[in-house]
Amino acid sequence: MLNQITDYINSKVPSANAVATTPEKGDGFVTVKAESILEVANALKNSSEFEMNVLQVITGTDYPAASEIELTYVLASFTKNLELLLKVRLPRGDKNNLPKINSVVSVWRAANYQEREAFDMIGVTFVGHPDHRRILTPDDWDGHPLRKDYVVQEVYRGMVVNPAHKVNTEDHFFGKKLKETMDPKKVVNSWKSDDDASVEA
């Protein structure tokens, strides 16, 4: 199916240079040129064969070593029972020169809040978005928390961020068990309560 979708995208939007990838593990995906995202989105939604009428998620991944940000659009067709991971790569830029990509809000209204979240968390500007503001942090927050080089500011508007007396670091990811073993690979069931936690022998 990935190859069929790739051929369809390339036939409708030749500049997309769509490429299908089927990894040994995990889900396959299709990568397109970032400049073509709006045309590709329209083509996939309006296709009688694939009818990608739902945008489920937009997520971003920071690759500092490659100086790139990867955006993944998780699309679905509820009428055709299909799902597609559509990826683009953007130059990473910096906080004074964020990467830009066209908004797909005109194709899927669900993109409104999702693009705002991606802007806020990973630092990508969505050109043409009707309400391009942060959504999880204040408008004047410094940085984008999901970038690998993000450092939490120490003070925000006169308030200490993450004051030590209010952050229970002992219980984070079973800090006590980790201190006992000094080897995170030996701490299992780390999402459970202390009563259920165990340490491998």
Protein backbone atom coordinates (compact mmCIF):
# COMPACT_ATOMS: atom_id res chain seq x y z
CA MET A 1 0.00 0.00 0.00
CA LEU A 2 2.86 2.41 0.76
CA ASN A 3 4.17 2.07 -2.78
CA GLN A 4 0.71 2.74 -4.21
CA ILE A 5 0.35 5.87 -2.09
CA THR A 6 3.85 6.99 -3.07
CA ASP A 7 3.11 6.52 -6.78
CA TYR A 8 -0.16 8.42 -6.36
CA ILE A 9 1.55 11.36 -4.63
CA ASN A 10 4.26 11.55 -7.29
CA SER A 11 1.67 11.46 -10.06
CA LYS A 12 -0.36 14.29 -8.52
CA VAL A 13 2.49 16.35 -7.05
CA PRO A 14 5.71 15.52 -8.94
CA SER A 15 7.71 18.09 -6.95
CA ALA A 16 7.00 16.13 -3.75
CA ASN A 17 9.61 13.48 -4.63
CA ALA A 18 7.73 11.02 -2.42
CA VAL A 19 9.73 8.03 -1.18
CA ALA A 20 8.34 5.01 0.68
CA THR A 21 10.33 3.46 3.52
CA THR A 22 9.58 0.07 5.04
CA PRO A 23 11.89 -0.49 8.05
CA GLU A 24 12.72 -3.90 9.49
CA LYS A 25 10.93 -2.88 12.67
CA GLY A 26 8.17 -0.36 13.20
CA ASP A 27 5.73 1.24 10.82
CA GLY A 28 6.48 2.16 7.24
CA PHE A 29 6.19 5.75 6.12
CA VAL A 30 6.29 8.08 3.14
CA THR A 31 8.64 11.07 3.03
CA VAL A 32 7.91 14.11 0.87
CA LYS A 33 9.61 17.45 0.27
CA ALA A 34 8.53 19.95 2.90
CA GLU A 35 7.74 22.58 0.26
CA SER A 36 5.03 20.33 -1.17
CA ILE A 37 3.17 19.49 2.05
CA LEU A 38 0.04 21.54 1.32
CA GLU A 39 -0.36 20.13 -2.20
CA VAL A 40 0.28 16.59 -0.94
CA ALA A 41 -2.26 17.03 1.85
CA ASN A 42 -4.91 18.19 -0.61
CA ALA A 43 -4.15 15.34 -2.99
CA LEU A 44 -4.40 12.69 -0.25
CA LYS A 45 -7.61 14.06 1.22
CA ASN A 46 -9.32 14.42 -2.15
CA SER A 47 -8.20 11.06 -3.51
CA SER A 48 -11.11 8.73 -4.26
CA GLU A 49 -8.73 5.78 -3.78
CA PHE A 50 -7.18 6.75 -0.41
CA GLU A 51 -9.45 9.50 0.95
CA MET A 52 -7.23 10.54 3.87
CA ASN A 53 -9.99 12.51 5.58
CA VAL A 54 -8.54 12.56 9.12
CA LEU A 55 -5.42 14.18 10.53
CA GLN A 56 -4.78 12.34 13.79
CA VAL A 57 -1.46 13.78 14.95
CA ILE A 58 1.35 16.11 13.99
CA THR A 59 4.52 15.36 15.90
CA GLY A 60 8.08 16.62 15.65
CA THR A 61 11.52 15.13 16.32
CA ASP A 62 14.73 17.10 16.73
CA TYR A 63 17.90 15.77 15.07
CA PRO A 64 20.63 18.23 16.09
CA ALA A 65 23.46 16.14 14.60
CA ALA A 66 21.78 16.37 11.20
CA SER A 67 20.65 19.98 11.81
CA GLU A 68 17.10 18.90 10.97
CA ILE A 69 13.61 18.78 12.41
CA GLU A 70 11.37 15.94 11.25
CA LEU A 71 7.61 16.43 11.24
CA THR A 72 5.33 13.40 11.08
CA TYR A 73 1.70 13.71 10.03
CA VAL A 74 -0.36 10.69 11.09
CA LEU A 75 -3.21 10.49 8.57
CA ALA A 76 -6.16 8.13 8.35
CA SER A 77 -9.07 7.26 6.14
CA PHE A 78 -12.03 6.09 8.18
CA THR A 79 -13.88 5.29 4.96
CA LYS A 80 -11.06 3.19 3.45
CA ASN A 81 -9.67 1.85 6.74
CA LEU A 82 -6.16 3.15 6.02
CA GLU A 83 -3.46 4.89 8.04
CA LEU A 84 -0.38 6.70 6.78
CA LEU A 85 2.71 8.21 8.38
CA LEU A 86 3.71 11.15 6.19
CA LYS A 87 7.08 12.72 7.00
CA VAL A 88 8.97 15.87 6.03
CA ARG A 89 12.43 17.11 6.98
CA LEU A 90 13.23 20.78 7.64
CA PRO A 91 16.46 22.67 8.32
CA ARG A 92 16.69 22.99 12.11
CA GLY A 93 17.52 26.69 12.27
CA ASP A 94 17.71 28.32 15.70
CA LYS A 95 15.49 30.36 18.00
CA ASN A 96 16.05 33.46 15.88
CA ASN A 97 15.41 31.67 12.59
CA LEU A 98 12.84 28.89 13.03
CA PRO A 99 12.11 26.48 10.16
CA LYS A 100 8.97 27.23 8.17
CA ILE A 101 6.39 25.03 6.49
CA ASN A 102 2.93 25.67 5.05
CA SER A 103 0.00 25.12 7.37
CA VAL A 104 -2.48 22.35 6.49
CA VAL A 105 -5.36 23.85 8.51
CA SER A 106 -7.16 24.57 5.23
CA VAL A 107 -7.16 20.82 4.53
CA TRP A 108 -7.79 19.40 8.01
CA ARG A 109 -9.22 21.70 10.70
CA ALA A 110 -7.70 19.40 13.32
CA ALA A 111 -4.31 20.83 12.34
CA ASN A 112 -5.15 24.09 14.11
CA TYR A 113 -4.19 23.07 17.65
CA GLN A 114 -1.69 20.44 16.52
CA GLU A 115 0.37 22.94 14.53
CA ARG A 116 0.27 25.33 17.47
CA GLU A 117 1.59 22.57 19.73
CA ALA A 118 4.36 21.68 17.27
CA PHE A 119 5.32 25.36 17.05
CA ASP A 120 5.38 25.65 20.83
CA MET A 121 7.22 22.42 21.61
CA ILE A 122 9.59 21.82 18.68
CA GLY A 123 9.92 25.32 17.17
CA VAL A 124 8.46 25.15 13.65
CA THR A 125 6.58 28.07 12.09
CA PHE A 126 3.43 27.12 10.15
CA VAL A 127 2.94 29.68 7.41
CA GLY A 128 -0.70 30.62 6.85
CA HIS A 129 -1.92 29.32 10.21
CA PRO A 130 -4.99 31.36 11.28
CA ASP A 131 -3.92 31.73 14.94
CA HIS A 132 -0.21 31.10 15.20
CA ARG A 133 0.45 31.27 18.95
CA ARG A 134 1.96 29.03 21.59
CA ILE A 135 -0.57 26.72 23.22
CA LEU A 136 1.15 24.92 26.13
CA THR A 137 3.54 27.61 27.34
CA PRO A 138 3.13 31.40 27.71
CA ASP A 139 3.62 33.56 24.62
CA ASP A 140 6.88 34.98 26.01
CA TRP A 141 8.36 31.61 27.06
CA ASP A 142 12.03 31.14 26.15
CA GLY A 143 12.79 28.19 23.89
CA HIS A 144 11.00 25.07 22.69
CA PRO A 145 10.90 22.23 25.25
CA LEU A 146 11.20 19.26 22.86
CA ARG A 147 14.41 20.49 21.25
CA LYS A 148 17.42 18.49 22.40
CA ASP A 149 19.36 21.62 23.40
CA TYR A 150 16.47 23.11 25.39
CA VAL A 151 17.39 24.48 28.80
CA VAL A 152 14.61 25.44 31.20
CA GLN A 153 14.90 29.06 32.21
CA GLU A 154 15.59 29.50 35.91
CA VAL A 155 13.24 32.43 36.45
CA TYR A 156 10.05 33.45 34.65
CA ARG A 157 8.43 36.81 35.46
CA GLY A 158 10.06 36.86 38.87
CA MET A 159 9.07 33.28 39.73
CA VAL A 160 11.57 30.47 40.17
CA VAL A 161 10.92 27.70 37.66
CA ASN A 162 11.03 24.20 39.19
CA PRO A 163 11.97 25.28 42.76
CA ALA A 164 13.88 22.47 44.49
CA HIS A 165 11.54 22.33 47.49
CA LYS A 166 8.56 21.61 45.20
CA VAL A 167 10.17 19.05 42.90
CA ASN A 168 10.13 15.53 44.34
CA THR A 169 13.11 14.19 42.42
CA GLU A 170 13.44 11.20 44.76
CA ASP A 171 10.30 9.65 43.31
CA HIS A 172 10.99 10.50 39.67
CA PHE A 173 11.43 7.27 37.72
CA PHE A 174 12.05 5.42 40.92
CA GLY A 175 14.99 7.55 41.95
CA LYS A 176 15.36 5.55 45.15
CA LYS A 177 15.66 2.23 43.32
CA LEU A 178 18.02 3.79 40.81
CA LYS A 179 20.26 5.06 43.60
CA GLU A 180 20.28 1.62 45.19
CA THR A 181 21.32 -0.17 42.00
CA MET A 182 23.11 2.67 40.14
CA ASP A 183 22.06 0.88 36.94
CA PRO A 184 18.83 2.03 35.23
CA LYS A 185 18.70 -1.21 33.18
CA LYS A 186 18.14 -3.19 36.36
CA VAL A 187 15.12 -1.17 37.50
CA VAL A 188 11.94 -2.78 36.20
CA ASN A 189 8.24 -1.86 36.48
CA SER A 190 9.32 1.76 36.89
CA TRP A 191 5.84 3.02 36.03
CA LYS A 192 4.24 1.23 38.98
CA SER A 193 4.02 2.23 42.62
CA ASP A 194 6.92 1.69 45.04
CA ASP A 195 5.11 -1.37 46.42
CA ASP A 196 5.20 -3.04 43.01
CA ALA A 197 8.69 -1.95 42.03
CA SER A 198 11.34 -4.57 41.80
CA VAL A 199 15.01 -4.77 41.01
CA GLU A 200 16.41 -7.44 38.74
CA ALA A 201 19.03 -9.71 40.27
